[in-house]
Amino acid sequence: MHGILKDISRILASLPGLGPRSARRIAITLAQQKEDVTPVLIELLKQMKNTIRKCRICNNLSQDSICHICSNHSRDQHQICIVAEISDLWAIENMGQYDGVYHVLGGTLSIANAIGPDSLDFHTLEMRLGESLERKECIIAMNPTIQGQATVHYIHEILKKYDHVTISTLALGLPMGAQLDYLDNGTLAMAMASRKEM
């Protein structure tokens, strides 16, 4: 494979969900459609680099300082769904049955990967909960993995000091080791609807 295509393939293969073979196919397709698709993609990537940022409230991706979910006053601001990654937020949004807001931690606790509490955004979450004494429900929506469950327990320890906060977790329908953004909408909807208080 030519040097430039090899470099593009290597970069693409480093992205989640893409292996070397898929990355090569994408690189070849981009080269074959360099007059049509590639210029549009380049322009969109430039726009993304210059305009996409993290929401200052929940850490979702947005073109504004506050994302469209946090700024939507018709959403239930008393429900905060705590997720590990932005892809988890999008998976729950795609379900179409949750009308609260979110908090994205930026990952899960992992001793093996040296990801401790200081690496994740618990601080902003606590600031949000401390701003008001109105009743809130924090729904912890973590992947049912060892790292996810460790993060659930850590969040629970943080949140139980807030008397005005009810803590719940996703329940039925989540097989151990599953990833939220790979689950079908029905399974995820059942887990959200049957969440249980911690």
Protein backbone atom coordinates (compact mmCIF):
# COMPACT_ATOMS: atom_id res chain seq x y z
CA MET A 1 0.00 0.00 0.00
CA HIS A 2 1.22 3.50 -0.88
CA GLY A 3 2.81 5.56 1.93
CA ILE A 4 0.00 8.15 2.31
CA LEU A 5 -2.74 5.52 2.20
CA LYS A 6 -0.79 3.45 4.72
CA ASP A 7 -0.57 6.43 7.08
CA ILE A 8 -4.31 7.18 6.68
CA SER A 9 -5.13 3.51 7.31
CA ARG A 10 -3.01 3.51 10.46
CA ILE A 11 -4.81 6.59 11.82
CA LEU A 12 -8.24 5.16 10.95
CA ALA A 13 -7.35 1.80 12.55
CA SER A 14 -6.64 3.60 15.83
CA LEU A 15 -10.29 4.71 16.05
CA PRO A 16 -12.74 2.65 18.15
CA GLY A 17 -14.57 -0.04 16.21
CA LEU A 18 -12.20 -0.01 13.21
CA GLY A 19 -9.66 -2.74 12.62
CA PRO A 20 -6.80 -2.68 10.08
CA ARG A 21 -8.90 -4.27 7.31
CA SER A 22 -11.83 -1.83 7.68
CA ALA A 23 -9.38 1.07 7.88
CA ARG A 24 -7.70 0.00 4.63
CA ARG A 25 -11.07 -0.22 2.85
CA ILE A 26 -12.03 3.27 4.02
CA ALA A 27 -8.65 4.71 2.95
CA ILE A 28 -8.96 3.12 -0.50
CA THR A 29 -12.55 4.37 -0.88
CA LEU A 30 -11.50 7.91 0.05
CA ALA A 31 -8.68 7.75 -2.51
CA GLN A 32 -11.04 6.47 -5.19
CA GLN A 33 -13.60 9.18 -4.44
CA LYS A 34 -11.09 11.97 -3.87
CA GLU A 35 -12.97 14.37 -6.14
CA ASP A 36 -16.39 13.89 -4.51
CA VAL A 37 -16.33 12.59 -0.94
CA THR A 38 -12.85 13.56 0.26
CA PRO A 39 -13.15 17.38 -0.10
CA VAL A 40 -16.47 17.37 1.78
CA LEU A 41 -15.01 15.20 4.53
CA ILE A 42 -11.93 17.42 4.82
CA GLU A 43 -14.11 20.52 5.17
CA LEU A 44 -16.31 18.87 7.82
CA LEU A 45 -13.25 17.73 9.79
CA LYS A 46 -11.89 21.29 9.70
CA GLN A 47 -15.23 22.61 10.98
CA MET A 48 -15.27 19.98 13.70
CA LYS A 49 -11.76 20.94 14.79
CA ASN A 50 -12.67 24.63 14.96
CA THR A 51 -16.21 24.52 16.37
CA ILE A 52 -16.86 21.38 18.42
CA ARG A 53 -16.22 21.69 22.16
CA LYS A 54 -17.38 20.14 25.41
CA CYS A 55 -20.55 21.42 27.05
CA ARG A 56 -19.46 23.25 30.20
CA ILE A 57 -22.32 21.66 32.17
CA CYS A 58 -22.45 18.00 31.13
CA ASN A 59 -19.36 17.40 28.88
CA ASN A 60 -21.45 16.45 25.84
CA LEU A 61 -20.07 17.58 22.47
CA SER A 62 -21.55 20.84 21.22
CA GLN A 63 -20.96 23.79 18.93
CA ASP A 64 -21.96 26.07 21.81
CA SER A 65 -20.67 26.39 25.36
CA ILE A 66 -23.90 24.74 26.57
CA CYS A 67 -25.24 21.79 24.57
CA HIS A 68 -28.75 21.53 23.13
CA ILE A 69 -29.80 19.10 25.87
CA CYS A 70 -28.72 21.22 28.84
CA SER A 71 -30.19 24.37 27.29
CA ASN A 72 -33.56 22.71 26.55
CA HIS A 73 -35.84 23.87 29.40
CA SER A 74 -38.50 21.33 28.48
CA ARG A 75 -36.16 18.56 29.67
CA ASP A 76 -36.42 17.37 33.27
CA GLN A 77 -33.52 19.13 34.98
CA HIS A 78 -34.18 17.07 38.14
CA GLN A 79 -33.02 13.85 36.46
CA ILE A 80 -29.30 13.51 35.74
CA CYS A 81 -28.17 10.40 33.90
CA ILE A 82 -24.49 9.77 34.66
CA VAL A 83 -22.65 8.02 31.83
CA ALA A 84 -19.03 7.14 31.14
CA GLU A 85 -18.71 8.28 27.52
CA ILE A 86 -20.47 10.55 25.04
CA SER A 87 -21.34 7.47 22.94
CA ASP A 88 -23.38 6.21 25.94
CA LEU A 89 -25.25 9.52 26.09
CA TRP A 90 -26.08 9.24 22.39
CA ALA A 91 -27.22 5.62 22.83
CA ILE A 92 -29.70 6.68 25.54
CA GLU A 93 -30.84 9.70 23.50
CA ASN A 94 -31.43 7.46 20.49
CA MET A 95 -33.75 5.37 22.65
CA GLY A 96 -36.13 8.35 22.66
CA GLN A 97 -37.64 7.65 26.09
CA TYR A 98 -35.48 9.66 28.47
CA ASP A 99 -36.19 13.37 28.87
CA GLY A 100 -33.77 14.30 31.65
CA VAL A 101 -30.23 15.68 31.36
CA TYR A 102 -26.80 14.05 31.52
CA HIS A 103 -23.36 14.11 33.03
CA VAL A 104 -20.47 12.53 31.08
CA LEU A 105 -17.57 11.41 33.29
CA GLY A 106 -15.11 10.84 30.46
CA GLY A 107 -14.46 7.15 31.16
CA THR A 108 -14.56 4.60 33.96
CA LEU A 109 -12.25 3.85 36.86
CA SER A 110 -9.55 1.37 35.90
CA ILE A 111 -6.53 0.39 37.97
CA ALA A 112 -5.01 -1.45 34.99
CA ASN A 113 -5.15 1.69 32.83
CA ALA A 114 -4.18 4.07 35.67
CA ILE A 115 -7.54 5.86 35.48
CA GLY A 116 -8.35 7.08 38.99
CA PRO A 117 -10.99 9.49 40.31
CA ASP A 118 -8.87 12.53 39.40
CA SER A 119 -8.95 11.48 35.73
CA LEU A 120 -12.77 11.65 35.56
CA ASP A 121 -15.15 14.59 35.99
CA PHE A 122 -16.72 13.99 39.39
CA HIS A 123 -15.98 17.58 40.45
CA THR A 124 -18.43 19.23 38.03
CA LEU A 125 -21.10 16.67 38.96
CA GLU A 126 -20.76 17.58 42.63
CA MET A 127 -20.90 21.28 41.77
CA ARG A 128 -24.17 20.69 39.89
CA LEU A 129 -25.69 18.83 42.83
CA GLY A 130 -24.51 21.46 45.32
CA GLU A 131 -26.04 24.39 43.41
CA SER A 132 -29.57 23.63 44.59
CA LEU A 133 -31.28 21.62 47.31
CA GLU A 134 -34.17 20.70 44.99
CA ARG A 135 -34.87 16.98 44.80
CA LYS A 136 -32.87 15.25 42.09
CA GLU A 137 -32.54 11.71 40.78
CA CYS A 138 -29.11 10.60 39.63
CA ILE A 139 -29.40 7.61 37.27
CA ILE A 140 -26.07 5.82 37.04
CA ALA A 141 -25.84 4.26 33.58
CA MET A 142 -22.53 2.40 33.37
CA ASN A 143 -21.56 -0.55 31.22
CA PRO A 144 -21.97 -3.81 33.19
CA THR A 145 -18.24 -4.49 33.31
CA ILE A 146 -15.80 -4.69 36.22
CA GLN A 147 -14.65 -1.11 35.53
CA GLY A 148 -18.23 0.07 35.13
CA GLN A 149 -19.33 -1.49 38.40
CA ALA A 150 -16.31 -0.06 40.25
CA THR A 151 -17.33 3.35 38.93
CA VAL A 152 -20.95 2.80 40.04
CA HIS A 153 -19.79 2.09 43.60
CA TYR A 154 -17.52 5.12 43.64
CA ILE A 155 -20.32 7.39 42.39
CA HIS A 156 -22.65 5.95 45.01
CA GLU A 157 -20.17 6.81 47.76
CA ILE A 158 -19.97 10.40 46.46
CA LEU A 159 -23.71 10.89 46.05
CA LYS A 160 -25.00 9.35 49.26
CA LYS A 161 -23.91 12.43 51.23
CA TYR A 162 -26.51 14.53 49.36
CA ASP A 163 -29.83 14.17 51.19
CA HIS A 164 -31.78 15.69 48.29
CA VAL A 165 -30.46 13.17 45.75
CA THR A 166 -32.05 9.81 44.94
CA ILE A 167 -29.61 7.36 43.39
CA SER A 168 -30.70 4.70 40.91
CA THR A 169 -29.00 2.34 38.45
CA LEU A 170 -30.07 0.65 35.24
CA ALA A 171 -31.63 -2.72 35.92
CA LEU A 172 -33.06 -5.51 33.76
CA GLY A 173 -31.78 -6.43 30.35
CA LEU A 174 -28.09 -5.55 30.62
CA PRO A 175 -25.90 -8.61 30.10
CA MET A 176 -22.57 -8.62 31.92
CA GLY A 177 -19.78 -7.27 29.74
CA ALA A 178 -22.13 -5.43 27.34
CA GLN A 179 -21.49 -1.93 25.97
CA LEU A 180 -24.36 0.58 26.20
CA ASP A 181 -23.85 1.97 22.70
CA TYR A 182 -24.10 -1.55 21.21
CA LEU A 183 -27.41 -2.46 22.89
CA ASP A 184 -30.66 -2.30 20.94
CA ASN A 185 -33.16 0.41 21.88
CA GLY A 186 -35.63 -2.06 23.42
CA THR A 187 -33.07 -3.54 25.82
CA LEU A 188 -31.80 -0.11 26.82
CA ALA A 189 -35.34 1.24 27.26
CA MET A 190 -36.22 -1.69 29.55
CA ALA A 191 -33.09 -1.09 31.63
CA MET A 192 -33.92 2.60 31.98
CA ALA A 193 -37.60 2.01 32.81
CA SER A 194 -36.81 -0.67 35.42
CA ARG A 195 -33.94 1.19 37.11
CA LYS A 196 -33.68 0.61 40.82
CA GLU A 197 -32.83 2.90 43.71
CA MET A 198 -29.46 2.24 45.32
